Amino acid sequence: MNLSSMKSALLPDPGRAVKKTDKKGNKETVRPREAANRFGMPITNALQKFVDDHFACYTRCKRASILWNWISGVSVERIEGV
């Protein structure tokens, strides 16, 4: 997977339901590390560019992981349980 194939899934779409990012605890702080392990640092750095705050970065990394799982054949039911 490369950045251009993930681009449309990472851009905000007001008509799409998106899982919420936890803004109260530290649960989401693992998302950039997970993205780095899956995609490598160049793509993770691109996901971090031009974000308003660290929660937006967590959300982008989470969306990229969800997309990766879906493309890899993980069932939607399993993805939604994550």
PDB file of N, CA and C in Angstrom:
ATOM      1  N   MET A   1       0.849  -1.169   0.000  1.00  0.00           N
ATOM      2  CA  MET A   1       0.000   0.000   0.000  1.00  0.00           C
ATOM      3  C   MET A   1       0.891   1.227   0.000  1.00  0.00           C
ATOM      4  N   ASN A   2       0.512   2.232  -0.774  1.00  0.00           N
ATOM      5  CA  ASN A   2       1.280   3.460  -0.780  1.00  0.00           C
ATOM      6  C   ASN A   2       0.385   4.637  -0.393  1.00  0.00           C
ATOM      7  N   LEU A   3       0.991   5.781  -0.235  1.00  0.00           N
ATOM      8  CA  LEU A   3       0.280   6.944   0.268  1.00  0.00           C
ATOM      9  C   LEU A   3      -0.832   7.378  -0.674  1.00  0.00           C
ATOM     10  N   SER A   4      -0.596   7.317  -1.963  1.00  0.00           N
ATOM     11  CA  SER A   4      -1.625   7.775  -2.899  1.00  0.00           C
ATOM     12  C   SER A   4      -2.871   6.899  -2.859  1.00  0.00           C
ATOM     13  N   SER A   5      -2.721   5.597  -2.594  1.00  0.00           N
ATOM     14  CA  SER A   5      -3.893   4.730  -2.515  1.00  0.00           C
ATOM     15  C   SER A   5      -4.668   4.936  -1.223  1.00  0.00           C
ATOM     16  N   MET A   6      -4.012   5.488  -0.200  1.00  0.00           N
ATOM     17  CA  MET A   6      -4.673   5.723   1.084  1.00  0.00           C
ATOM     18  C   MET A   6      -5.259   7.129   1.169  1.00  0.00           C
ATOM     19  N   LYS A   7      -4.877   8.000   0.263  1.00  0.00           N
ATOM     20  CA  LYS A   7      -5.218   9.417   0.352  1.00  0.00           C
ATOM     21  C   LYS A   7      -6.721   9.664   0.461  1.00  0.00           C
ATOM     22  N   SER A   8      -7.524   9.058  -0.400  1.00  0.00           N
ATOM     23  CA  SER A   8      -8.956   9.334  -0.385  1.00  0.00           C
ATOM     24  C   SER A   8      -9.613   8.838   0.897  1.00  0.00           C
ATOM     25  N   ALA A   9      -9.104   7.784   1.471  1.00  0.00           N
ATOM     26  CA  ALA A   9      -9.686   7.262   2.710  1.00  0.00           C
ATOM     27  C   ALA A   9      -9.316   8.117   3.913  1.00  0.00           C
ATOM     28  N   LEU A  10      -8.258   8.883   3.810  1.00  0.00           N
ATOM     29  CA  LEU A  10      -7.795   9.671   4.943  1.00  0.00           C
ATOM     30  C   LEU A  10      -8.359  11.083   4.948  1.00  0.00           C
ATOM     31  N   LEU A  11      -8.837  11.535   3.798  1.00  0.00           N
ATOM     32  CA  LEU A  11      -9.410  12.875   3.755  1.00  0.00           C
ATOM     33  C   LEU A  11     -10.791  12.863   4.386  1.00  0.00           C
ATOM     34  N   PRO A  12     -11.142  13.923   5.079  1.00  0.00           N
ATOM     35  CA  PRO A  12     -12.447  13.952   5.742  1.00  0.00           C
ATOM     36  C   PRO A  12     -13.589  13.892   4.740  1.00  0.00           C
ATOM     37  N   ASP A  13     -14.617  13.148   5.072  1.00  0.00           N
ATOM     38  CA  ASP A  13     -15.807  13.031   4.256  1.00  0.00           C
ATOM     39  C   ASP A  13     -17.007  13.151   5.183  1.00  0.00           C
ATOM     40  N   PRO A  14     -17.721  14.283   5.135  1.00  0.00           N
ATOM     41  CA  PRO A  14     -18.801  14.498   6.096  1.00  0.00           C
ATOM     42  C   PRO A  14     -19.928  13.478   5.988  1.00  0.00           C
ATOM     43  N   GLY A  15     -20.072  12.802   4.862  1.00  0.00           N
ATOM     44  CA  GLY A  15     -21.146  11.835   4.704  1.00  0.00           C
ATOM     45  C   GLY A  15     -20.799  10.445   5.199  1.00  0.00           C
ATOM     46  N   ARG A  16     -19.574  10.254   5.682  1.00  0.00           N
ATOM     47  CA  ARG A  16     -19.128   8.924   6.067  1.00  0.00           C
ATOM     48  C   ARG A  16     -19.096   8.800   7.585  1.00  0.00           C
ATOM     49  N   ALA A  17     -19.604   7.686   8.064  1.00  0.00           N
ATOM     50  CA  ALA A  17     -19.531   7.416   9.504  1.00  0.00           C
ATOM     51  C   ALA A  17     -18.117   6.980   9.840  1.00  0.00           C
ATOM     52  N   VAL A  18     -17.540   7.586  10.849  1.00  0.00           N
ATOM     53  CA  VAL A  18     -16.166   7.284  11.242  1.00  0.00           C
ATOM     54  C   VAL A  18     -16.152   6.982  12.730  1.00  0.00           C
ATOM     55  N   LYS A  19     -15.353   5.978  13.109  1.00  0.00           N
ATOM     56  CA  LYS A  19     -15.210   5.682  14.534  1.00  0.00           C
ATOM     57  C   LYS A  19     -14.581   6.879  15.228  1.00  0.00           C
ATOM     58  N   LYS A  20     -15.071   7.173  16.389  1.00  0.00           N
ATOM     59  CA  LYS A  20     -14.567   8.308  17.150  1.00  0.00           C
ATOM     60  C   LYS A  20     -13.199   7.983  17.744  1.00  0.00           C
ATOM     61  N   THR A  21     -12.394   9.018  17.875  1.00  0.00           N
ATOM     62  CA  THR A  21     -11.098   8.895  18.519  1.00  0.00           C
ATOM     63  C   THR A  21     -11.256   9.277  19.984  1.00  0.00           C
ATOM     64  N   ASP A  22     -10.713   8.459  20.855  1.00  0.00           N
ATOM     65  CA  ASP A  22     -10.801   8.713  22.291  1.00  0.00           C
ATOM     66  C   ASP A  22      -9.962   9.938  22.645  1.00  0.00           C
ATOM     67  N   LYS A  23     -10.614  10.995  23.130  1.00  0.00           N
ATOM     68  CA  LYS A  23      -9.897  12.231  23.448  1.00  0.00           C
ATOM     69  C   LYS A  23      -9.682  12.405  24.943  1.00  0.00           C
ATOM     70  N   LYS A  24     -10.119  11.462  25.747  1.00  0.00           N
ATOM     71  CA  LYS A  24      -9.989  11.611  27.192  1.00  0.00           C
ATOM     72  C   LYS A  24      -8.753  10.896  27.744  1.00  0.00           C
ATOM     73  N   GLY A  25      -8.461   9.729  27.219  1.00  0.00           N
ATOM     74  CA  GLY A  25      -7.361   8.946  27.770  1.00  0.00           C
ATOM     75  C   GLY A  25      -6.191   8.847  26.818  1.00  0.00           C
ATOM     76  N   ASN A  26      -5.331   7.917  27.099  1.00  0.00           N
ATOM     77  CA  ASN A  26      -4.139   7.712  26.278  1.00  0.00           C
ATOM     78  C   ASN A  26      -4.272   6.507  25.362  1.00  0.00           C
ATOM     79  N   LYS A  27      -5.473   5.983  25.241  1.00  0.00           N
ATOM     80  CA  LYS A  27      -5.709   4.779  24.455  1.00  0.00           C
ATOM     81  C   LYS A  27      -5.264   4.922  22.994  1.00  0.00           C
ATOM     82  N   GLU A  28      -5.445   6.096  22.426  1.00  0.00           N
ATOM     83  CA  GLU A  28      -5.158   6.299  21.003  1.00  0.00           C
ATOM     84  C   GLU A  28      -3.697   6.638  20.720  1.00  0.00           C
ATOM     85  N   THR A  29      -2.900   6.847  21.735  1.00  0.00           N
ATOM     86  CA  THR A  29      -1.506   7.252  21.508  1.00  0.00           C
ATOM     87  C   THR A  29      -0.690   6.172  20.810  1.00  0.00           C
ATOM     88  N   VAL A  30      -1.177   4.958  20.772  1.00  0.00           N
ATOM     89  CA  VAL A  30      -0.459   3.870  20.102  1.00  0.00           C
ATOM     90  C   VAL A  30      -0.621   3.917  18.586  1.00  0.00           C
ATOM     91  N   ARG A  31      -1.566   4.705  18.086  1.00  0.00           N
ATOM     92  CA  ARG A  31      -1.874   4.704  16.649  1.00  0.00           C
ATOM     93  C   ARG A  31      -0.686   5.085  15.760  1.00  0.00           C
ATOM     94  N   PRO A  32       0.073   6.151  16.056  1.00  0.00           N
ATOM     95  CA  PRO A  32       1.225   6.455  15.193  1.00  0.00           C
ATOM     96  C   PRO A  32       2.276   5.336  15.192  1.00  0.00           C
ATOM     97  N   ARG A  33       2.500   4.703  16.345  1.00  0.00           N
ATOM     98  CA  ARG A  33       3.465   3.605  16.408  1.00  0.00           C
ATOM     99  C   ARG A  33       2.971   2.418  15.573  1.00  0.00           C
ATOM    100  N   GLU A  34       1.679   2.117  15.663  1.00  0.00           N
ATOM    101  CA  GLU A  34       1.116   1.039  14.844  1.00  0.00           C
ATOM    102  C   GLU A  34       1.270   1.353  13.358  1.00  0.00           C
ATOM    103  N   ALA A  35       1.012   2.616  12.995  1.00  0.00           N
ATOM    104  CA  ALA A  35       1.160   3.018  11.598  1.00  0.00           C
ATOM    105  C   ALA A  35       2.608   2.884  11.140  1.00  0.00           C
ATOM    106  N   ALA A  36       3.547   3.267  11.985  1.00  0.00           N
ATOM    107  CA  ALA A  36       4.965   3.157  11.630  1.00  0.00           C
ATOM    108  C   ALA A  36       5.355   1.695  11.419  1.00  0.00           C
ATOM    109  N   ASN A  37       4.838   0.801  12.249  1.00  0.00           N
ATOM    110  CA  ASN A  37       5.144  -0.624  12.096  1.00  0.00           C
ATOM    111  C   ASN A  37       4.539  -1.192  10.821  1.00  0.00           C
ATOM    112  N   ARG A  38       3.357  -0.734  10.460  1.00  0.00           N
ATOM    113  CA  ARG A  38       2.682  -1.261   9.265  1.00  0.00           C
ATOM    114  C   ARG A  38       3.193  -0.647   7.982  1.00  0.00           C
ATOM    115  N   PHE A  39       3.331   0.685   7.963  1.00  0.00           N
ATOM    116  CA  PHE A  39       3.571   1.403   6.717  1.00  0.00           C
ATOM    117  C   PHE A  39       4.971   1.971   6.581  1.00  0.00           C
ATOM    118  N   GLY A  40       5.722   2.065   7.685  1.00  0.00           N
ATOM    119  CA  GLY A  40       7.042   2.675   7.655  1.00  0.00           C
ATOM    120  C   GLY A  40       6.965   4.151   8.019  1.00  0.00           C
ATOM    121  N   MET A  41       8.089   4.703   8.346  1.00  0.00           N
ATOM    122  CA  MET A  41       8.137   6.094   8.810  1.00  0.00           C
ATOM    123  C   MET A  41       7.784   7.126   7.739  1.00  0.00           C
ATOM    124  N   PRO A  42       8.158   6.956   6.472  1.00  0.00           N
ATOM    125  CA  PRO A  42       7.788   7.990   5.492  1.00  0.00           C
ATOM    126  C   PRO A  42       6.277   8.209   5.401  1.00  0.00           C
ATOM    127  N   ILE A  43       5.503   7.139   5.383  1.00  0.00           N
ATOM    128  CA  ILE A  43       4.057   7.282   5.310  1.00  0.00           C
ATOM    129  C   ILE A  43       3.504   7.799   6.634  1.00  0.00           C
ATOM    130  N   THR A  44       4.054   7.343   7.747  1.00  0.00           N
ATOM    131  CA  THR A  44       3.604   7.834   9.050  1.00  0.00           C
ATOM    132  C   THR A  44       3.876   9.328   9.178  1.00  0.00           C
ATOM    133  N   ASN A  45       5.026   9.779   8.719  1.00  0.00           N
ATOM    134  CA  ASN A  45       5.324  11.215   8.737  1.00  0.00           C
ATOM    135  C   ASN A  45       4.347  11.992   7.861  1.00  0.00           C
ATOM    136  N   ALA A  46       3.976  11.426   6.716  1.00  0.00           N
ATOM    137  CA  ALA A  46       2.997  12.082   5.843  1.00  0.00           C
ATOM    138  C   ALA A  46       1.633  12.165   6.519  1.00  0.00           C
ATOM    139  N   LEU A  47       1.266  11.136   7.273  1.00  0.00           N
ATOM    140  CA  LEU A  47      -0.006  11.161   7.994  1.00  0.00           C
ATOM    141  C   LEU A  47      -0.019  12.248   9.070  1.00  0.00           C
ATOM    142  N   GLN A  48       1.144  12.596   9.588  1.00  0.00           N
ATOM    143  CA  GLN A  48       1.250  13.584  10.660  1.00  0.00           C
ATOM    144  C   GLN A  48       1.318  15.019  10.148  1.00  0.00           C
ATOM    145  N   LYS A  49       1.506  15.193   8.839  1.00  0.00           N
ATOM    146  CA  LYS A  49       1.646  16.530   8.281  1.00  0.00           C
ATOM    147  C   LYS A  49       0.318  17.277   8.281  1.00  0.00           C
ATOM    148  N   PHE A  50       0.403  18.546   8.562  1.00  0.00           N
ATOM    149  CA  PHE A  50      -0.719  19.481   8.442  1.00  0.00           C
ATOM    150  C   PHE A  50      -1.925  19.128   9.312  1.00  0.00           C
ATOM    151  N   VAL A  51      -1.702  18.515  10.455  1.00  0.00           N
ATOM    152  CA  VAL A  51      -2.808  18.228  11.369  1.00  0.00           C
ATOM    153  C   VAL A  51      -2.957  19.386  12.355  1.00  0.00           C
ATOM    154  N   ASP A  52      -4.177  19.584  12.833  1.00  0.00           N
ATOM    155  CA  ASP A  52      -4.441  20.669  13.779  1.00  0.00           C
ATOM    156  C   ASP A  52      -3.942  20.344  15.181  1.00  0.00           C
ATOM    157  N   ASP A  53      -4.039  19.072  15.567  1.00  0.00           N
ATOM    158  CA  ASP A  53      -3.593  18.659  16.897  1.00  0.00           C
ATOM    159  C   ASP A  53      -3.239  17.173  16.860  1.00  0.00           C
ATOM    160  N   HIS A  54      -2.739  16.661  17.969  1.00  0.00           N
ATOM    161  CA  HIS A  54      -2.322  15.257  17.982  1.00  0.00           C
ATOM    162  C   HIS A  54      -3.510  14.304  17.861  1.00  0.00           C
ATOM    163  N   PHE A  55      -4.717  14.742  18.234  1.00  0.00           N
ATOM    164  CA  PHE A  55      -5.881  13.871  18.068  1.00  0.00           C
ATOM    165  C   PHE A  55      -6.193  13.649  16.587  1.00  0.00           C
ATOM    166  N   ALA A  56      -5.982  14.670  15.777  1.00  0.00           N
ATOM    167  CA  ALA A  56      -6.184  14.522  14.334  1.00  0.00           C
ATOM    168  C   ALA A  56      -5.176  13.528  13.751  1.00  0.00           C
ATOM    169  N   CYS A  57      -3.962  13.556  14.269  1.00  0.00           N
ATOM    170  CA  CYS A  57      -2.949  12.587  13.841  1.00  0.00           C
ATOM    171  C   CYS A  57      -3.369  11.174  14.220  1.00  0.00           C
ATOM    172  N   TYR A  58      -3.859  10.998  15.443  1.00  0.00           N
ATOM    173  CA  TYR A  58      -4.322   9.684  15.886  1.00  0.00           C
ATOM    174  C   TYR A  58      -5.446   9.192  14.990  1.00  0.00           C
ATOM    175  N   THR A  59      -6.360  10.109  14.631  1.00  0.00           N
ATOM    176  CA  THR A  59      -7.492   9.740  13.782  1.00  0.00           C
ATOM    177  C   THR A  59      -7.018   9.301  12.400  1.00  0.00           C
ATOM    178  N   ARG A  60      -6.071  10.026  11.816  1.00  0.00           N
ATOM    179  CA  ARG A  60      -5.544   9.642  10.506  1.00  0.00           C
ATOM    180  C   ARG A  60      -4.884   8.266  10.559  1.00  0.00           C
ATOM    181  N   CYS A  61      -4.087   8.044  11.590  1.00  0.00           N
ATOM    182  CA  CYS A  61      -3.404   6.753  11.719  1.00  0.00           C
ATOM    183  C   CYS A  61      -4.414   5.622  11.917  1.00  0.00           C
ATOM    184  N   LYS A  62      -5.472   5.899  12.674  1.00  0.00           N
ATOM    185  CA  LYS A  62      -6.499   4.896  12.905  1.00  0.00           C
ATOM    186  C   LYS A  62      -7.238   4.585  11.606  1.00  0.00           C
ATOM    187  N   ARG A  63      -7.576   5.618  10.835  1.00  0.00           N
ATOM    188  CA  ARG A  63      -8.241   5.401   9.540  1.00  0.00           C
ATOM    189  C   ARG A  63      -7.364   4.587   8.601  1.00  0.00           C
ATOM    190  N   ALA A  64      -6.067   4.903   8.577  1.00  0.00           N
ATOM    191  CA  ALA A  64      -5.149   4.166   7.713  1.00  0.00           C
ATOM    192  C   ALA A  64      -5.090   2.691   8.124  1.00  0.00           C
ATOM    193  N   SER A  65      -5.100   2.423   9.424  1.00  0.00           N
ATOM    194  CA  SER A  65      -5.079   1.039   9.904  1.00  0.00           C
ATOM    195  C   SER A  65      -6.365   0.305   9.556  1.00  0.00           C
ATOM    196  N   ILE A  66      -7.490   0.996   9.693  1.00  0.00           N
ATOM    197  CA  ILE A  66      -8.779   0.389   9.332  1.00  0.00           C
ATOM    198  C   ILE A  66      -8.795   0.062   7.848  1.00  0.00           C
ATOM    199  N   LEU A  67      -8.325   0.995   7.019  1.00  0.00           N
ATOM    200  CA  LEU A  67      -8.265   0.760   5.582  1.00  0.00           C
ATOM    201  C   LEU A  67      -7.338  -0.408   5.252  1.00  0.00           C
ATOM    202  N   TRP A  68      -6.189  -0.448   5.890  1.00  0.00           N
ATOM    203  CA  TRP A  68      -5.232  -1.546   5.681  1.00  0.00           C
ATOM    204  C   TRP A  68      -5.877  -2.894   6.003  1.00  0.00           C
ATOM    205  N   ASN A  69      -6.572  -2.961   7.138  1.00  0.00           N
ATOM    206  CA  ASN A  69      -7.234  -4.210   7.519  1.00  0.00           C
ATOM    207  C   ASN A  69      -8.281  -4.612   6.489  1.00  0.00           C
ATOM    208  N   TRP A  70      -9.062  -3.645   6.024  1.00  0.00           N
ATOM    209  CA  TRP A  70     -10.124  -3.936   5.062  1.00  0.00           C
ATOM    210  C   TRP A  70      -9.536  -4.445   3.746  1.00  0.00           C
ATOM    211  N   ILE A  71      -8.489  -3.775   3.252  1.00  0.00           N
ATOM    212  CA  ILE A  71      -7.839  -4.202   2.012  1.00  0.00           C
ATOM    213  C   ILE A  71      -7.204  -5.581   2.179  1.00  0.00           C
ATOM    214  N   SER A  72      -6.730  -5.874   3.385  1.00  0.00           N
ATOM    215  CA  SER A  72      -6.087  -7.167   3.658  1.00  0.00           C
ATOM    216  C   SER A  72      -7.091  -8.304   3.832  1.00  0.00           C
ATOM    217  N   GLY A  73      -8.384  -7.989   3.789  1.00  0.00           N
ATOM    218  CA  GLY A  73      -9.392  -9.038   3.843  1.00  0.00           C
ATOM    219  C   GLY A  73      -9.987  -9.293   5.207  1.00  0.00           C
ATOM    220  N   VAL A  74      -9.711  -8.442   6.175  1.00  0.00           N
ATOM    221  CA  VAL A  74     -10.302  -8.609   7.506  1.00  0.00           C
ATOM    222  C   VAL A  74     -11.788  -8.255   7.385  1.00  0.00           C
ATOM    223  N   SER A  75     -12.635  -9.048   8.015  1.00  0.00           N
ATOM    224  CA  SER A  75     -14.072  -8.818   7.921  1.00  0.00           C
ATOM    225  C   SER A  75     -14.461  -7.488   8.559  1.00  0.00           C
ATOM    226  N   VAL A  76     -15.512  -6.894   8.025  1.00  0.00           N
ATOM    227  CA  VAL A  76     -15.991  -5.615   8.540  1.00  0.00           C
ATOM    228  C   VAL A  76     -16.409  -5.750  10.005  1.00  0.00           C
ATOM    229  N   GLU A  77     -17.023  -6.865  10.340  1.00  0.00           N
ATOM    230  CA  GLU A  77     -17.446  -7.083  11.727  1.00  0.00           C
ATOM    231  C   GLU A  77     -16.241  -7.059  12.671  1.00  0.00           C
ATOM    232  N   ARG A  78     -15.164  -7.676  12.253  1.00  0.00           N
ATOM    233  CA  ARG A  78     -13.950  -7.694  13.075  1.00  0.00           C
ATOM    234  C   ARG A  78     -13.316  -6.307  13.173  1.00  0.00           C
ATOM    235  N   ILE A  79     -13.304  -5.595  12.068  1.00  0.00           N
ATOM    236  CA  ILE A  79     -12.738  -4.236  12.059  1.00  0.00           C
ATOM    237  C   ILE A  79     -13.541  -3.342  12.987  1.00  0.00           C
ATOM    238  N   GLU A  80     -14.848  -3.415  12.932  1.00  0.00           N
ATOM    239  CA  GLU A  80     -15.692  -2.567  13.767  1.00  0.00           C
ATOM    240  C   GLU A  80     -15.533  -2.900  15.253  1.00  0.00           C
ATOM    241  N   GLY A  81     -15.092  -4.091  15.556  1.00  0.00           N
ATOM    242  CA  GLY A  81     -14.869  -4.469  16.945  1.00  0.00           C
ATOM    243  C   GLY A  81     -13.573  -3.956  17.508  1.00  0.00           C
ATOM    244  N   VAL A  82     -12.702  -3.421  16.649  1.00  0.00           N
ATOM    245  CA  VAL A  82     -11.381  -2.956  17.078  1.00  0.00           C
ATOM    246  C   VAL A  82     -11.496  -1.652  17.800  1.00  0.00           C
TER     247      VAL A  82
END
